[in-house]
């Protein structure tokens, strides 16, 4: 993700859903949607681990934002 995308997700959290696509064997894939993937602005000069929490707002399949 770009810095701009992260800042946009923080400024308008209700309008932002991050889609994660995992490509499996063959043509199969799995899609997960994360609402509010960021809780605070990361230190863009250093490294920043993701949220890493179990309550990430993820929903499988279609997500009604």
PDB file of N, CA and C in Angstrom:
ATOM      1  N   UNK A   1       0.825  -1.167   0.000  1.00  0.00           N
ATOM      2  CA  UNK A   1       0.000   0.000   0.000  1.00  0.00           C
ATOM      3  C   UNK A   1       0.877   1.241   0.000  1.00  0.00           C
ATOM      4  N   UNK A   2       0.349   2.268  -0.579  1.00  0.00           N
ATOM      5  CA  UNK A   2       1.090   3.528  -0.605  1.00  0.00           C
ATOM      6  C   UNK A   2       0.764   4.347   0.646  1.00  0.00           C
ATOM      7  N   UNK A   3       1.603   5.311   0.927  1.00  0.00           N
ATOM      8  CA  UNK A   3       1.380   6.217   2.053  1.00  0.00           C
ATOM      9  C   UNK A   3       0.045   6.936   1.883  1.00  0.00           C
ATOM     10  N   UNK A   4      -0.246   7.351   0.667  1.00  0.00           N
ATOM     11  CA  UNK A   4      -1.497   8.057   0.378  1.00  0.00           C
ATOM     12  C   UNK A   4      -2.716   7.189   0.685  1.00  0.00           C
ATOM     13  N   UNK A   5      -2.648   5.917   0.319  1.00  0.00           N
ATOM     14  CA  UNK A   5      -3.764   5.003   0.580  1.00  0.00           C
ATOM     15  C   UNK A   5      -3.965   4.787   2.079  1.00  0.00           C
ATOM     16  N   UNK A   6      -2.867   4.670   2.811  1.00  0.00           N
ATOM     17  CA  UNK A   6      -2.965   4.496   4.266  1.00  0.00           C
ATOM     18  C   UNK A   6      -3.589   5.729   4.905  1.00  0.00           C
ATOM     19  N   UNK A   7      -3.136   6.906   4.501  1.00  0.00           N
ATOM     20  CA  UNK A   7      -3.689   8.140   5.063  1.00  0.00           C
ATOM     21  C   UNK A   7      -5.167   8.298   4.698  1.00  0.00           C
ATOM     22  N   UNK A   8      -5.534   7.919   3.484  1.00  0.00           N
ATOM     23  CA  UNK A   8      -6.950   7.982   3.085  1.00  0.00           C
ATOM     24  C   UNK A   8      -7.790   7.050   3.931  1.00  0.00           C
ATOM     25  N   UNK A   9      -7.265   5.866   4.226  1.00  0.00           N
ATOM     26  CA  UNK A   9      -8.019   4.911   5.044  1.00  0.00           C
ATOM     27  C   UNK A   9      -8.210   5.424   6.470  1.00  0.00           C
ATOM     28  N   UNK A  10      -7.266   6.213   6.949  1.00  0.00           N
ATOM     29  CA  UNK A  10      -7.400   6.783   8.294  1.00  0.00           C
ATOM     30  C   UNK A  10      -8.348   7.980   8.308  1.00  0.00           C
ATOM     31  N   UNK A  11      -8.354   8.763   7.221  1.00  0.00           N
ATOM     32  CA  UNK A  11      -9.209   9.945   7.146  1.00  0.00           C
ATOM     33  C   UNK A  11     -10.672   9.610   6.912  1.00  0.00           C
ATOM     34  N   UNK A  12     -10.936   8.546   6.175  1.00  0.00           N
ATOM     35  CA  UNK A  12     -12.313   8.131   5.878  1.00  0.00           C
ATOM     36  C   UNK A  12     -12.454   6.628   6.130  1.00  0.00           C
ATOM     37  N   UNK A  13     -12.378   6.202   7.385  1.00  0.00           N
ATOM     38  CA  UNK A  13     -12.369   4.765   7.680  1.00  0.00           C
ATOM     39  C   UNK A  13     -13.632   4.035   7.232  1.00  0.00           C
ATOM     40  N   UNK A  14     -14.769   4.706   7.194  1.00  0.00           N
ATOM     41  CA  UNK A  14     -16.010   4.043   6.790  1.00  0.00           C
ATOM     42  C   UNK A  14     -16.105   3.860   5.277  1.00  0.00           C
ATOM     43  N   UNK A  15     -15.261   4.568   4.527  1.00  0.00           N
ATOM     44  CA  UNK A  15     -15.276   4.474   3.071  1.00  0.00           C
ATOM     45  C   UNK A  15     -14.187   3.556   2.523  1.00  0.00           C
ATOM     46  N   UNK A  16     -13.390   2.966   3.416  1.00  0.00           N
ATOM     47  CA  UNK A  16     -12.222   2.223   2.961  1.00  0.00           C
ATOM     48  C   UNK A  16     -12.314   0.763   3.369  1.00  0.00           C
ATOM     49  N   UNK A  17     -12.183  -0.136   2.399  1.00  0.00           N
ATOM     50  CA  UNK A  17     -12.135  -1.575   2.645  1.00  0.00           C
ATOM     51  C   UNK A  17     -10.943  -2.120   1.873  1.00  0.00           C
ATOM     52  N   UNK A  18     -10.043  -2.803   2.567  1.00  0.00           N
ATOM     53  CA  UNK A  18      -8.864  -3.383   1.939  1.00  0.00           C
ATOM     54  C   UNK A  18      -9.175  -4.824   1.545  1.00  0.00           C
ATOM     55  N   UNK A  19      -8.983  -5.159   0.287  1.00  0.00           N
ATOM     56  CA  UNK A  19      -9.218  -6.518  -0.204  1.00  0.00           C
ATOM     57  C   UNK A  19      -7.888  -7.255  -0.286  1.00  0.00           C
ATOM     58  N   UNK A  20      -7.842  -8.431   0.313  1.00  0.00           N
ATOM     59  CA  UNK A  20      -6.668  -9.300   0.246  1.00  0.00           C
ATOM     60  C   UNK A  20      -7.047 -10.524  -0.576  1.00  0.00           C
ATOM     61  N   UNK A  21      -6.258 -10.819  -1.590  1.00  0.00           N
ATOM     62  CA  UNK A  21      -6.544 -11.967  -2.450  1.00  0.00           C
ATOM     63  C   UNK A  21      -5.391 -12.951  -2.330  1.00  0.00           C
ATOM     64  N   UNK A  22      -5.728 -14.178  -1.940  1.00  0.00           N
ATOM     65  CA  UNK A  22      -4.742 -15.254  -1.855  1.00  0.00           C
ATOM     66  C   UNK A  22      -4.962 -16.170  -3.054  1.00  0.00           C
ATOM     67  N   UNK A  23      -3.929 -16.359  -3.854  1.00  0.00           N
ATOM     68  CA  UNK A  23      -4.033 -17.223  -5.019  1.00  0.00           C
ATOM     69  C   UNK A  23      -3.617 -18.626  -4.622  1.00  0.00           C
ATOM     70  N   UNK A  24      -4.519 -19.578  -4.836  1.00  0.00           N
ATOM     71  CA  UNK A  24      -4.301 -20.965  -4.478  1.00  0.00           C
ATOM     72  C   UNK A  24      -3.920 -21.757  -5.727  1.00  0.00           C
ATOM     73  N   UNK A  25      -3.918 -23.068  -5.633  1.00  0.00           N
ATOM     74  CA  UNK A  25      -3.579 -23.912  -6.776  1.00  0.00           C
ATOM     75  C   UNK A  25      -4.563 -23.707  -7.918  1.00  0.00           C
ATOM     76  N   UNK A  26      -4.052 -23.795  -9.117  1.00  0.00           N
ATOM     77  CA  UNK A  26      -4.899 -23.655 -10.294  1.00  0.00           C
ATOM     78  C   UNK A  26      -5.482 -22.261 -10.396  1.00  0.00           C
ATOM     79  N   UNK A  27      -6.774 -22.200 -10.689  1.00  0.00           N
ATOM     80  CA  UNK A  27      -7.464 -20.916 -10.816  1.00  0.00           C
ATOM     81  C   UNK A  27      -8.152 -20.490  -9.528  1.00  0.00           C
ATOM     82  N   UNK A  28      -7.985 -21.252  -8.462  1.00  0.00           N
ATOM     83  CA  UNK A  28      -8.680 -20.957  -7.207  1.00  0.00           C
ATOM     84  C   UNK A  28      -8.051 -19.764  -6.493  1.00  0.00           C
ATOM     85  N   UNK A  29      -8.886 -19.034  -5.787  1.00  0.00           N
ATOM     86  CA  UNK A  29      -8.403 -17.922  -4.982  1.00  0.00           C
ATOM     87  C   UNK A  29      -9.339 -17.721  -3.787  1.00  0.00           C
ATOM     88  N   UNK A  30      -8.840 -17.022  -2.797  1.00  0.00           N
ATOM     89  CA  UNK A  30      -9.608 -16.711  -1.593  1.00  0.00           C
ATOM     90  C   UNK A  30      -9.513 -15.204  -1.372  1.00  0.00           C
ATOM     91  N   UNK A  31     -10.660 -14.584  -1.147  1.00  0.00           N
ATOM     92  CA  UNK A  31     -10.712 -13.134  -0.950  1.00  0.00           C
ATOM     93  C   UNK A  31     -11.143 -12.842   0.488  1.00  0.00           C
ATOM     94  N   UNK A  32     -10.439 -11.919   1.118  1.00  0.00           N
ATOM     95  CA  UNK A  32     -10.809 -11.437   2.457  1.00  0.00           C
ATOM     96  C   UNK A  32     -10.869  -9.920   2.396  1.00  0.00           C
ATOM     97  N   UNK A  33     -11.812  -9.360   3.120  1.00  0.00           N
ATOM     98  CA  UNK A  33     -11.974  -7.908   3.156  1.00  0.00           C
ATOM     99  C   UNK A  33     -11.715  -7.418   4.570  1.00  0.00           C
ATOM    100  N   UNK A  34     -10.881  -6.397   4.688  1.00  0.00           N
ATOM    101  CA  UNK A  34     -10.562  -5.820   5.993  1.00  0.00           C
ATOM    102  C   UNK A  34     -11.132  -4.416   6.084  1.00  0.00           C
ATOM    103  N   UNK A  35     -11.945  -4.214   7.067  1.00  0.00           N
ATOM    104  CA  UNK A  35     -12.432  -2.864   7.357  1.00  0.00           C
ATOM    105  C   UNK A  35     -11.510  -2.257   8.401  1.00  0.00           C
ATOM    106  N   UNK A  36     -11.184  -1.012   8.217  1.00  0.00           N
ATOM    107  CA  UNK A  36     -10.268  -0.317   9.119  1.00  0.00           C
ATOM    108  C   UNK A  36      -8.968  -1.094   9.335  1.00  0.00           C
ATOM    109  N   UNK A  37      -8.212  -1.326   8.256  1.00  0.00           N
ATOM    110  CA  UNK A  37      -6.984  -2.108   8.391  1.00  0.00           C
ATOM    111  C   UNK A  37      -5.890  -1.399   9.192  1.00  0.00           C
ATOM    112  N   UNK A  38      -6.026  -0.105   9.387  1.00  0.00           N
ATOM    113  CA  UNK A  38      -5.029   0.657  10.151  1.00  0.00           C
ATOM    114  C   UNK A  38      -5.729   1.422  11.268  1.00  0.00           C
ATOM    115  N   UNK A  39      -5.115   1.414  12.444  1.00  0.00           N
ATOM    116  CA  UNK A  39      -5.664   2.114  13.599  1.00  0.00           C
ATOM    117  C   UNK A  39      -4.970   3.453  13.856  1.00  0.00           C
ATOM    118  N   UNK A  40      -3.752   3.577  13.356  1.00  0.00           N
ATOM    119  CA  UNK A  40      -2.975   4.803  13.560  1.00  0.00           C
ATOM    120  C   UNK A  40      -2.012   4.967  12.402  1.00  0.00           C
ATOM    121  N   UNK A  41      -1.512   6.156  12.247  1.00  0.00           N
ATOM    122  CA  UNK A  41      -0.557   6.429  11.172  1.00  0.00           C
ATOM    123  C   UNK A  41       0.769   5.759  11.510  1.00  0.00           C
ATOM    124  N   UNK A  42       1.292   4.945  10.602  1.00  0.00           N
ATOM    125  CA  UNK A  42       2.578   4.299  10.876  1.00  0.00           C
ATOM    126  C   UNK A  42       3.733   5.276  10.765  1.00  0.00           C
ATOM    127  N   UNK A  43       4.863   4.889  11.293  1.00  0.00           N
ATOM    128  CA  UNK A  43       6.087   5.656  11.138  1.00  0.00           C
ATOM    129  C   UNK A  43       6.621   5.343   9.746  1.00  0.00           C
ATOM    130  N   UNK A  44       6.386   6.232   8.812  1.00  0.00           N
ATOM    131  CA  UNK A  44       6.765   5.969   7.433  1.00  0.00           C
ATOM    132  C   UNK A  44       8.276   5.917   7.245  1.00  0.00           C
ATOM    133  N   UNK A  45       9.032   6.425   8.203  1.00  0.00           N
ATOM    134  CA  UNK A  45      10.492   6.373   8.103  1.00  0.00           C
ATOM    135  C   UNK A  45      11.031   5.015   8.552  1.00  0.00           C
ATOM    136  N   UNK A  46      10.250   4.297   9.339  1.00  0.00           N
ATOM    137  CA  UNK A  46      10.693   2.997   9.843  1.00  0.00           C
ATOM    138  C   UNK A  46       9.757   1.896   9.393  1.00  0.00           C
ATOM    139  N   UNK A  47       9.925   0.739   9.957  1.00  0.00           N
ATOM    140  CA  UNK A  47       9.030  -0.370   9.621  1.00  0.00           C
ATOM    141  C   UNK A  47       7.858  -0.371  10.591  1.00  0.00           C
ATOM    142  N   UNK A  48       6.742  -0.921  10.140  1.00  0.00           N
ATOM    143  CA  UNK A  48       5.538  -0.930  10.963  1.00  0.00           C
ATOM    144  C   UNK A  48       4.815  -2.248  10.764  1.00  0.00           C
ATOM    145  N   UNK A  49       4.733  -3.051  11.810  1.00  0.00           N
ATOM    146  CA  UNK A  49       3.984  -4.301  11.655  1.00  0.00           C
ATOM    147  C   UNK A  49       2.501  -3.999  11.548  1.00  0.00           C
ATOM    148  N   UNK A  50       1.789  -4.802  10.828  1.00  0.00           N
ATOM    149  CA  UNK A  50       0.345  -4.620  10.706  1.00  0.00           C
ATOM    150  C   UNK A  50      -0.333  -4.771  12.042  1.00  0.00           C
ATOM    151  N   UNK A  51      -1.607  -4.726  12.026  1.00  0.00           N
ATOM    152  CA  UNK A  51      -2.360  -4.779  13.270  1.00  0.00           C
ATOM    153  C   UNK A  51      -2.102  -6.057  14.035  1.00  0.00           C
ATOM    154  N   UNK A  52      -2.211  -7.209  13.334  1.00  0.00           N
ATOM    155  CA  UNK A  52      -1.921  -8.474  13.975  1.00  0.00           C
ATOM    156  C   UNK A  52      -2.930  -8.887  15.034  1.00  0.00           C
ATOM    157  N   UNK A  53      -4.104  -8.301  15.040  1.00  0.00           N
ATOM    158  CA  UNK A  53      -5.130  -8.638  16.020  1.00  0.00           C
ATOM    159  C   UNK A  53      -6.163  -9.533  15.367  1.00  0.00           C
ATOM    160  N   UNK A  54      -6.839 -10.309  16.170  1.00  0.00           N
ATOM    161  CA  UNK A  54      -7.857 -11.202  15.645  1.00  0.00           C
ATOM    162  C   UNK A  54      -9.136 -10.496  15.267  1.00  0.00           C
ATOM    163  N   UNK A  55      -9.411  -9.348  15.838  1.00  0.00           N
ATOM    164  CA  UNK A  55     -10.657  -8.628  15.561  1.00  0.00           C
ATOM    165  C   UNK A  55     -10.434  -7.573  14.487  1.00  0.00           C
ATOM    166  N   UNK A  56      -9.993  -8.014  13.318  1.00  0.00           N
ATOM    167  CA  UNK A  56      -9.609  -7.093  12.266  1.00  0.00           C
ATOM    168  C   UNK A  56     -10.768  -6.645  11.386  1.00  0.00           C
ATOM    169  N   UNK A  57     -11.992  -7.044  11.722  1.00  0.00           N
ATOM    170  CA  UNK A  57     -13.114  -6.616  10.926  1.00  0.00           C
ATOM    171  C   UNK A  57     -13.208  -7.323   9.593  1.00  0.00           C
ATOM    172  N   UNK A  58     -12.569  -8.467   9.494  1.00  0.00           N
ATOM    173  CA  UNK A  58     -12.526  -9.197   8.224  1.00  0.00           C
ATOM    174  C   UNK A  58     -13.821  -9.979   8.009  1.00  0.00           C
ATOM    175  N   UNK A  59     -14.274  -9.973   6.773  1.00  0.00           N
ATOM    176  CA  UNK A  59     -15.437 -10.783   6.419  1.00  0.00           C
ATOM    177  C   UNK A  59     -15.114 -11.539   5.135  1.00  0.00           C
ATOM    178  N   UNK A  60     -15.524 -12.772   5.061  1.00  0.00           N
ATOM    179  CA  UNK A  60     -15.244 -13.573   3.863  1.00  0.00           C
ATOM    180  C   UNK A  60     -16.321 -13.291   2.813  1.00  0.00           C
ATOM    181  N   UNK A  61     -15.961 -13.438   1.557  1.00  0.00           N
ATOM    182  CA  UNK A  61     -16.913 -13.234   0.474  1.00  0.00           C
ATOM    183  C   UNK A  61     -17.207 -11.768   0.256  1.00  0.00           C
ATOM    184  N   UNK A  62     -18.436 -11.474  -0.137  1.00  0.00           N
ATOM    185  CA  UNK A  62     -18.819 -10.083  -0.399  1.00  0.00           C
ATOM    186  C   UNK A  62     -18.930  -9.314   0.907  1.00  0.00           C
ATOM    187  N   UNK A  63     -18.571  -8.065   0.861  1.00  0.00           N
ATOM    188  CA  UNK A  63     -18.573  -7.233   2.062  1.00  0.00           C
ATOM    189  C   UNK A  63     -19.418  -5.993   1.791  1.00  0.00           C
ATOM    190  N   UNK A  64     -20.449  -5.817   2.567  1.00  0.00           N
ATOM    191  CA  UNK A  64     -21.283  -4.629   2.377  1.00  0.00           C
ATOM    192  C   UNK A  64     -20.710  -3.494   3.209  1.00  0.00           C
ATOM    193  N   UNK A  65     -19.919  -2.661   2.560  1.00  0.00           N
ATOM    194  CA  UNK A  65     -19.174  -1.596   3.237  1.00  0.00           C
ATOM    195  C   UNK A  65     -20.090  -0.611   3.782  1.00  0.00           C
TER     196      UNK A  65
END
